[in-house]
């Protein structure tokens, strides 16, 4: 092996490493966007769950008050 073929070999290795890092970066961008969508969906779900809990508590308090009125 002469110096030019050795140099070409290492250049090919460096190019392959660059391709791997580029593909990894692109995959991470896709994962980040999916995680962002999931995060927004979870936030919406948490808001709806909070509203549901609030309504259940209001209903429970209303039922207790109505039962006390019927008892007296």
PDB file of N, CA and C in Angstrom:
ATOM      1  N   UNK A   1       0.842  -1.179   0.000  1.00  0.00           N
ATOM      2  CA  UNK A   1       0.000   0.000   0.000  1.00  0.00           C
ATOM      3  C   UNK A   1       0.884   1.237   0.000  1.00  0.00           C
ATOM      4  N   UNK A   2       0.619   2.105  -0.907  1.00  0.00           N
ATOM      5  CA  UNK A   2       1.367   3.357  -0.903  1.00  0.00           C
ATOM      6  C   UNK A   2       0.581   4.416  -0.123  1.00  0.00           C
ATOM      7  N   UNK A   3       1.185   5.565   0.027  1.00  0.00           N
ATOM      8  CA  UNK A   3       0.616   6.620   0.862  1.00  0.00           C
ATOM      9  C   UNK A   3      -0.721   7.128   0.320  1.00  0.00           C
ATOM     10  N   UNK A   4      -0.867   7.246  -0.985  1.00  0.00           N
ATOM     11  CA  UNK A   4      -2.113   7.783  -1.552  1.00  0.00           C
ATOM     12  C   UNK A   4      -3.292   6.835  -1.329  1.00  0.00           C
ATOM     13  N   UNK A   5      -3.069   5.536  -1.448  1.00  0.00           N
ATOM     14  CA  UNK A   5      -4.166   4.595  -1.203  1.00  0.00           C
ATOM     15  C   UNK A   5      -4.519   4.541   0.286  1.00  0.00           C
ATOM     16  N   UNK A   6      -3.512   4.684   1.149  1.00  0.00           N
ATOM     17  CA  UNK A   6      -3.767   4.731   2.587  1.00  0.00           C
ATOM     18  C   UNK A   6      -4.561   5.986   2.943  1.00  0.00           C
ATOM     19  N   UNK A   7      -4.185   7.084   2.322  1.00  0.00           N
ATOM     20  CA  UNK A   7      -4.898   8.341   2.551  1.00  0.00           C
ATOM     21  C   UNK A   7      -6.352   8.229   2.075  1.00  0.00           C
ATOM     22  N   UNK A   8      -6.556   7.616   0.913  1.00  0.00           N
ATOM     23  CA  UNK A   8      -7.904   7.422   0.391  1.00  0.00           C
ATOM     24  C   UNK A   8      -8.728   6.523   1.320  1.00  0.00           C
ATOM     25  N   UNK A   9      -8.080   5.501   1.872  1.00  0.00           N
ATOM     26  CA  UNK A   9      -8.747   4.590   2.800  1.00  0.00           C
ATOM     27  C   UNK A   9      -9.255   5.347   4.028  1.00  0.00           C
ATOM     28  N   UNK A  10      -8.394   6.186   4.607  1.00  0.00           N
ATOM     29  CA  UNK A  10      -8.802   6.957   5.779  1.00  0.00           C
ATOM     30  C   UNK A  10      -9.844   8.018   5.428  1.00  0.00           C
ATOM     31  N   UNK A  11      -9.763   8.580   4.245  1.00  0.00           N
ATOM     32  CA  UNK A  11     -10.788   9.526   3.801  1.00  0.00           C
ATOM     33  C   UNK A  11     -12.148   8.836   3.671  1.00  0.00           C
ATOM     34  N   UNK A  12     -12.142   7.612   3.162  1.00  0.00           N
ATOM     35  CA  UNK A  12     -13.386   6.844   3.052  1.00  0.00           C
ATOM     36  C   UNK A  12     -13.975   6.545   4.430  1.00  0.00           C
ATOM     37  N   UNK A  13     -13.090   6.209   5.377  1.00  0.00           N
ATOM     38  CA  UNK A  13     -13.553   5.955   6.744  1.00  0.00           C
ATOM     39  C   UNK A  13     -14.160   7.225   7.334  1.00  0.00           C
ATOM     40  N   UNK A  14     -13.489   8.352   7.148  1.00  0.00           N
ATOM     41  CA  UNK A  14     -13.998   9.625   7.667  1.00  0.00           C
ATOM     42  C   UNK A  14     -15.335   9.968   7.018  1.00  0.00           C
ATOM     43  N   UNK A  15     -15.456   9.699   5.729  1.00  0.00           N
ATOM     44  CA  UNK A  15     -16.710   9.961   5.029  1.00  0.00           C
ATOM     45  C   UNK A  15     -17.829   9.068   5.579  1.00  0.00           C
ATOM     46  N   UNK A  16     -17.521   7.809   5.838  1.00  0.00           N
ATOM     47  CA  UNK A  16     -18.515   6.887   6.396  1.00  0.00           C
ATOM     48  C   UNK A  16     -18.966   7.341   7.777  1.00  0.00           C
ATOM     49  N   UNK A  17     -18.026   7.806   8.587  1.00  0.00           N
ATOM     50  CA  UNK A  17     -18.374   8.311   9.918  1.00  0.00           C
ATOM     51  C   UNK A  17     -19.268   9.543   9.788  1.00  0.00           C
ATOM     52  N   UNK A  18     -18.968  10.408   8.834  1.00  0.00           N
ATOM     53  CA  UNK A  18     -19.806  11.582   8.594  1.00  0.00           C
ATOM     54  C   UNK A  18     -21.212  11.199   8.175  1.00  0.00           C
ATOM     55  N   UNK A  19     -21.325  10.178   7.326  1.00  0.00           N
ATOM     56  CA  UNK A  19     -22.650   9.707   6.909  1.00  0.00           C
ATOM     57  C   UNK A  19     -23.440   9.159   8.095  1.00  0.00           C
ATOM     58  N   UNK A  20     -22.754   8.415   8.949  1.00  0.00           N
ATOM     59  CA  UNK A  20     -23.424   7.849  10.124  1.00  0.00           C
ATOM     60  C   UNK A  20     -23.931   8.962  11.028  1.00  0.00           C
ATOM     61  N   UNK A  21     -23.098   9.968  11.261  1.00  0.00           N
ATOM     62  CA  UNK A  21     -23.529  11.067  12.134  1.00  0.00           C
ATOM     63  C   UNK A  21     -24.681  11.850  11.511  1.00  0.00           C
ATOM     64  N   UNK A  22     -24.657  12.006  10.206  1.00  0.00           N
ATOM     65  CA  UNK A  22     -25.744  12.713   9.527  1.00  0.00           C
ATOM     66  C   UNK A  22     -27.056  11.934   9.642  1.00  0.00           C
ATOM     67  N   UNK A  23     -26.992  10.636   9.416  1.00  0.00           N
ATOM     68  CA  UNK A  23     -28.193   9.805   9.525  1.00  0.00           C
ATOM     69  C   UNK A  23     -28.714   9.781  10.956  1.00  0.00           C
ATOM     70  N   UNK A  24     -27.797   9.723  11.915  1.00  0.00           N
ATOM     71  CA  UNK A  24     -28.199   9.739  13.320  1.00  0.00           C
ATOM     72  C   UNK A  24     -28.869  11.062  13.667  1.00  0.00           C
ATOM     73  N   UNK A  25     -28.319  12.160  13.179  1.00  0.00           N
ATOM     74  CA  UNK A  25     -28.918  13.475  13.424  1.00  0.00           C
ATOM     75  C   UNK A  25     -30.305  13.583  12.833  1.00  0.00           C
ATOM     76  N   UNK A  26     -30.477  13.075  11.621  1.00  0.00           N
ATOM     77  CA  UNK A  26     -31.802  13.107  10.989  1.00  0.00           C
ATOM     78  C   UNK A  26     -32.806  12.260  11.765  1.00  0.00           C
ATOM     79  N   UNK A  27     -32.359  11.106  12.258  1.00  0.00           N
ATOM     80  CA  UNK A  27     -33.248  10.250  13.044  1.00  0.00           C
ATOM     81  C   UNK A  27     -33.640  10.941  14.345  1.00  0.00           C
ATOM     82  N   UNK A  28     -32.693  11.628  14.961  1.00  0.00           N
ATOM     83  CA  UNK A  28     -32.990  12.322  16.215  1.00  0.00           C
ATOM     84  C   UNK A  28     -33.977  13.466  16.002  1.00  0.00           C
ATOM     85  N   UNK A  29     -33.897  14.129  14.865  1.00  0.00           N
ATOM     86  CA  UNK A  29     -34.861  15.193  14.561  1.00  0.00           C
ATOM     87  C   UNK A  29     -36.266  14.605  14.450  1.00  0.00           C
ATOM     88  N   UNK A  30     -36.373  13.449  13.797  1.00  0.00           N
ATOM     89  CA  UNK A  30     -37.671  12.783  13.690  1.00  0.00           C
ATOM     90  C   UNK A  30     -38.211  12.361  15.041  1.00  0.00           C
ATOM     91  N   UNK A  31     -37.332  11.832  15.883  1.00  0.00           N
ATOM     92  CA  UNK A  31     -37.740  11.416  17.227  1.00  0.00           C
ATOM     93  C   UNK A  31     -38.177  12.627  18.036  1.00  0.00           C
ATOM     94  N   UNK A  32     -37.446  13.725  17.909  1.00  0.00           N
ATOM     95  CA  UNK A  32     -37.791  14.941  18.652  1.00  0.00           C
ATOM     96  C   UNK A  32     -39.173  15.452  18.255  1.00  0.00           C
ATOM     97  N   UNK A  33     -39.484  15.428  16.972  1.00  0.00           N
ATOM     98  CA  UNK A  33     -40.802  15.909  16.540  1.00  0.00           C
ATOM     99  C   UNK A  33     -41.912  14.994  17.047  1.00  0.00           C
ATOM    100  N   UNK A  34     -41.670  13.687  17.062  1.00  0.00           N
ATOM    101  CA  UNK A  34     -42.671  12.761  17.588  1.00  0.00           C
ATOM    102  C   UNK A  34     -42.872  12.966  19.085  1.00  0.00           C
ATOM    103  N   UNK A  35     -41.779  13.179  19.818  1.00  0.00           N
ATOM    104  CA  UNK A  35     -41.895  13.435  21.255  1.00  0.00           C
ATOM    105  C   UNK A  35     -42.637  14.736  21.522  1.00  0.00           C
ATOM    106  N   UNK A  36     -42.437  15.717  20.666  1.00  0.00           N
ATOM    107  CA  UNK A  36     -43.145  16.986  20.820  1.00  0.00           C
ATOM    108  C   UNK A  36     -44.648  16.785  20.636  1.00  0.00           C
ATOM    109  N   UNK A  37     -45.029  15.990  19.647  1.00  0.00           N
ATOM    110  CA  UNK A  37     -46.451  15.701  19.424  1.00  0.00           C
ATOM    111  C   UNK A  37     -47.055  14.961  20.613  1.00  0.00           C
ATOM    112  N   UNK A  38     -46.308  13.985  21.132  1.00  0.00           N
ATOM    113  CA  UNK A  38     -46.794  13.218  22.282  1.00  0.00           C
ATOM    114  C   UNK A  38     -46.937  14.121  23.497  1.00  0.00           C
ATOM    115  N   UNK A  39     -45.986  15.014  23.683  1.00  0.00           N
ATOM    116  CA  UNK A  39     -46.028  15.938  24.822  1.00  0.00           C
ATOM    117  C   UNK A  39     -47.260  16.834  24.752  1.00  0.00           C
ATOM    118  N   UNK A  40     -47.570  17.339  23.573  1.00  0.00           N
ATOM    119  CA  UNK A  40     -48.766  18.172  23.413  1.00  0.00           C
ATOM    120  C   UNK A  40     -50.037  17.366  23.682  1.00  0.00           C
ATOM    121  N   UNK A  41     -50.058  16.116  23.233  1.00  0.00           N
ATOM    122  CA  UNK A  41     -51.226  15.267  23.475  1.00  0.00           C
ATOM    123  C   UNK A  41     -51.389  14.994  24.965  1.00  0.00           C
ATOM    124  N   UNK A  42     -50.288  14.780  25.662  1.00  0.00           N
ATOM    125  CA  UNK A  42     -50.349  14.535  27.104  1.00  0.00           C
ATOM    126  C   UNK A  42     -50.825  15.777  27.840  1.00  0.00           C
ATOM    127  N   UNK A  43     -50.384  16.942  27.416  1.00  0.00           N
ATOM    128  CA  UNK A  43     -50.847  18.180  28.051  1.00  0.00           C
ATOM    129  C   UNK A  43     -52.353  18.336  27.893  1.00  0.00           C
ATOM    130  N   UNK A  44     -52.859  18.077  26.699  1.00  0.00           N
ATOM    131  CA  UNK A  44     -54.301  18.158  26.456  1.00  0.00           C
ATOM    132  C   UNK A  44     -55.051  17.142  27.314  1.00  0.00           C
ATOM    133  N   UNK A  45     -54.522  15.929  27.392  1.00  0.00           N
ATOM    134  CA  UNK A  45     -55.145  14.890  28.205  1.00  0.00           C
ATOM    135  C   UNK A  45     -55.173  15.289  29.672  1.00  0.00           C
ATOM    136  N   UNK A  46     -54.091  15.877  30.152  1.00  0.00           N
ATOM    137  CA  UNK A  46     -54.044  16.306  31.553  1.00  0.00           C
ATOM    138  C   UNK A  46     -55.067  17.403  31.837  1.00  0.00           C
ATOM    139  N   UNK A  47     -55.245  18.314  30.906  1.00  0.00           N
ATOM    140  CA  UNK A  47     -56.250  19.374  31.080  1.00  0.00           C
ATOM    141  C   UNK A  47     -57.648  18.766  31.136  1.00  0.00           C
ATOM    142  N   UNK A  48     -57.935  17.859  30.217  1.00  0.00           N
ATOM    143  CA  UNK A  48     -59.253  17.211  30.206  1.00  0.00           C
ATOM    144  C   UNK A  48     -59.475  16.386  31.471  1.00  0.00           C
ATOM    145  N   UNK A  49     -58.435  15.724  31.939  1.00  0.00           N
ATOM    146  CA  UNK A  49     -58.547  14.944  33.168  1.00  0.00           C
ATOM    147  C   UNK A  49     -58.811  15.855  34.364  1.00  0.00           C
ATOM    148  N   UNK A  50     -58.160  16.998  34.403  1.00  0.00           N
ATOM    149  CA  UNK A  50     -58.402  17.962  35.477  1.00  0.00           C
ATOM    150  C   UNK A  50     -59.829  18.466  35.468  1.00  0.00           C
ATOM    151  N   UNK A  51     -60.355  18.751  34.291  1.00  0.00           N
ATOM    152  CA  UNK A  51     -61.753  19.198  34.172  1.00  0.00           C
ATOM    153  C   UNK A  51     -62.699  18.096  34.636  1.00  0.00           C
ATOM    154  N   UNK A  52     -62.414  16.861  34.251  1.00  0.00           N
ATOM    155  CA  UNK A  52     -63.250  15.731  34.662  1.00  0.00           C
ATOM    156  C   UNK A  52     -63.240  15.564  36.179  1.00  0.00           C
ATOM    157  N   UNK A  53     -62.075  15.645  36.792  1.00  0.00           N
ATOM    158  CA  UNK A  53     -61.984  15.530  38.252  1.00  0.00           C
ATOM    159  C   UNK A  53     -62.766  16.652  38.921  1.00  0.00           C
ATOM    160  N   UNK A  54     -62.637  17.858  38.396  1.00  0.00           N
ATOM    161  CA  UNK A  54     -63.383  18.993  38.949  1.00  0.00           C
ATOM    162  C   UNK A  54     -64.887  18.749  38.872  1.00  0.00           C
ATOM    163  N   UNK A  55     -65.363  18.283  37.732  1.00  0.00           N
ATOM    164  CA  UNK A  55     -66.798  18.036  37.569  1.00  0.00           C
ATOM    165  C   UNK A  55     -67.284  16.920  38.485  1.00  0.00           C
ATOM    166  N   UNK A  56     -66.481  15.890  38.671  1.00  0.00           N
ATOM    167  CA  UNK A  56     -66.860  14.804  39.574  1.00  0.00           C
ATOM    168  C   UNK A  56     -66.951  15.325  41.003  1.00  0.00           C
ATOM    169  N   UNK A  57     -66.009  16.167  41.402  1.00  0.00           N
ATOM    170  CA  UNK A  57     -66.041  16.739  42.752  1.00  0.00           C
ATOM    171  C   UNK A  57     -67.279  17.625  42.937  1.00  0.00           C
ATOM    172  N   UNK A  58     -67.595  18.435  41.935  1.00  0.00           N
ATOM    173  CA  UNK A  58     -68.792  19.282  42.011  1.00  0.00           C
ATOM    174  C   UNK A  58     -70.038  18.411  42.126  1.00  0.00           C
ATOM    175  N   UNK A  59     -70.101  17.356  41.332  1.00  0.00           N
ATOM    176  CA  UNK A  59     -71.249  16.446  41.390  1.00  0.00           C
ATOM    177  C   UNK A  59     -71.342  15.775  42.757  1.00  0.00           C
ATOM    178  N   UNK A  60     -70.230  15.353  43.303  1.00  0.00           N
ATOM    179  CA  UNK A  60     -70.216  14.707  44.613  1.00  0.00           C
ATOM    180  C   UNK A  60     -70.694  15.668  45.700  1.00  0.00           C
ATOM    181  N   UNK A  61     -70.190  16.879  45.684  1.00  0.00           N
ATOM    182  CA  UNK A  61     -70.612  17.879  46.673  1.00  0.00           C
ATOM    183  C   UNK A  61     -72.096  18.195  46.510  1.00  0.00           C
ATOM    184  N   UNK A  62     -72.543  18.341  45.280  1.00  0.00           N
ATOM    185  CA  UNK A  62     -73.960  18.613  45.016  1.00  0.00           C
ATOM    186  C   UNK A  62     -74.836  17.468  45.530  1.00  0.00           C
ATOM    187  N   UNK A  63     -74.405  16.237  45.304  1.00  0.00           N
ATOM    188  CA  UNK A  63     -75.174  15.077  45.766  1.00  0.00           C
ATOM    189  C   UNK A  63     -75.252  15.038  47.283  1.00  0.00           C
ATOM    190  N   UNK A  64     -74.151  15.334  47.956  1.00  0.00           N
ATOM    191  CA  UNK A  64     -74.150  15.347  49.423  1.00  0.00           C
ATOM    192  C   UNK A  64     -75.087  16.428  49.935  1.00  0.00           C
ATOM    193  N   UNK A  65     -75.048  17.602  49.345  1.00  0.00           N
ATOM    194  CA  UNK A  65     -75.924  18.699  49.768  1.00  0.00           C
ATOM    195  C   UNK A  65     -77.387  18.324  49.535  1.00  0.00           C
ATOM    196  N   UNK A  66     -77.711  17.727  48.419  1.00  0.00           N
ATOM    197  CA  UNK A  66     -79.091  17.330  48.123  1.00  0.00           C
ATOM    198  C   UNK A  66     -79.573  16.261  49.098  1.00  0.00           C
ATOM    199  N   UNK A  67     -78.701  15.312  49.435  1.00  0.00           N
ATOM    200  CA  UNK A  67     -79.085  14.260  50.387  1.00  0.00           C
ATOM    201  C   UNK A  67     -79.320  14.838  51.775  1.00  0.00           C
ATOM    202  N   UNK A  68     -78.551  15.819  52.167  1.00  0.00           N
ATOM    203  CA  UNK A  68     -78.753  16.452  53.476  1.00  0.00           C
ATOM    204  C   UNK A  68     -80.067  17.228  53.502  1.00  0.00           C
ATOM    205  N   UNK A  69     -80.396  17.883  52.383  1.00  0.00           N
ATOM    206  CA  UNK A  69     -81.663  18.623  52.317  1.00  0.00           C
ATOM    207  C   UNK A  69     -82.849  17.667  52.414  1.00  0.00           C
ATOM    208  N   UNK A  70     -82.752  16.502  51.780  1.00  0.00           N
ATOM    209  CA  UNK A  70     -83.835  15.518  51.828  1.00  0.00           C
ATOM    210  C   UNK A  70     -83.962  14.926  53.227  1.00  0.00           C
ATOM    211  N   UNK A  71     -82.850  14.826  53.935  1.00  0.00           N
ATOM    212  CA  UNK A  71     -82.858  14.235  55.271  1.00  0.00           C
ATOM    213  C   UNK A  71     -83.448  15.148  56.318  1.00  0.00           C
ATOM    214  N   UNK A  72     -83.434  16.437  56.108  1.00  0.00           N
ATOM    215  CA  UNK A  72     -83.962  17.365  57.122  1.00  0.00           C
ATOM    216  C   UNK A  72     -85.370  17.781  56.858  1.00  0.00           C
TER     217      UNK A  72
END
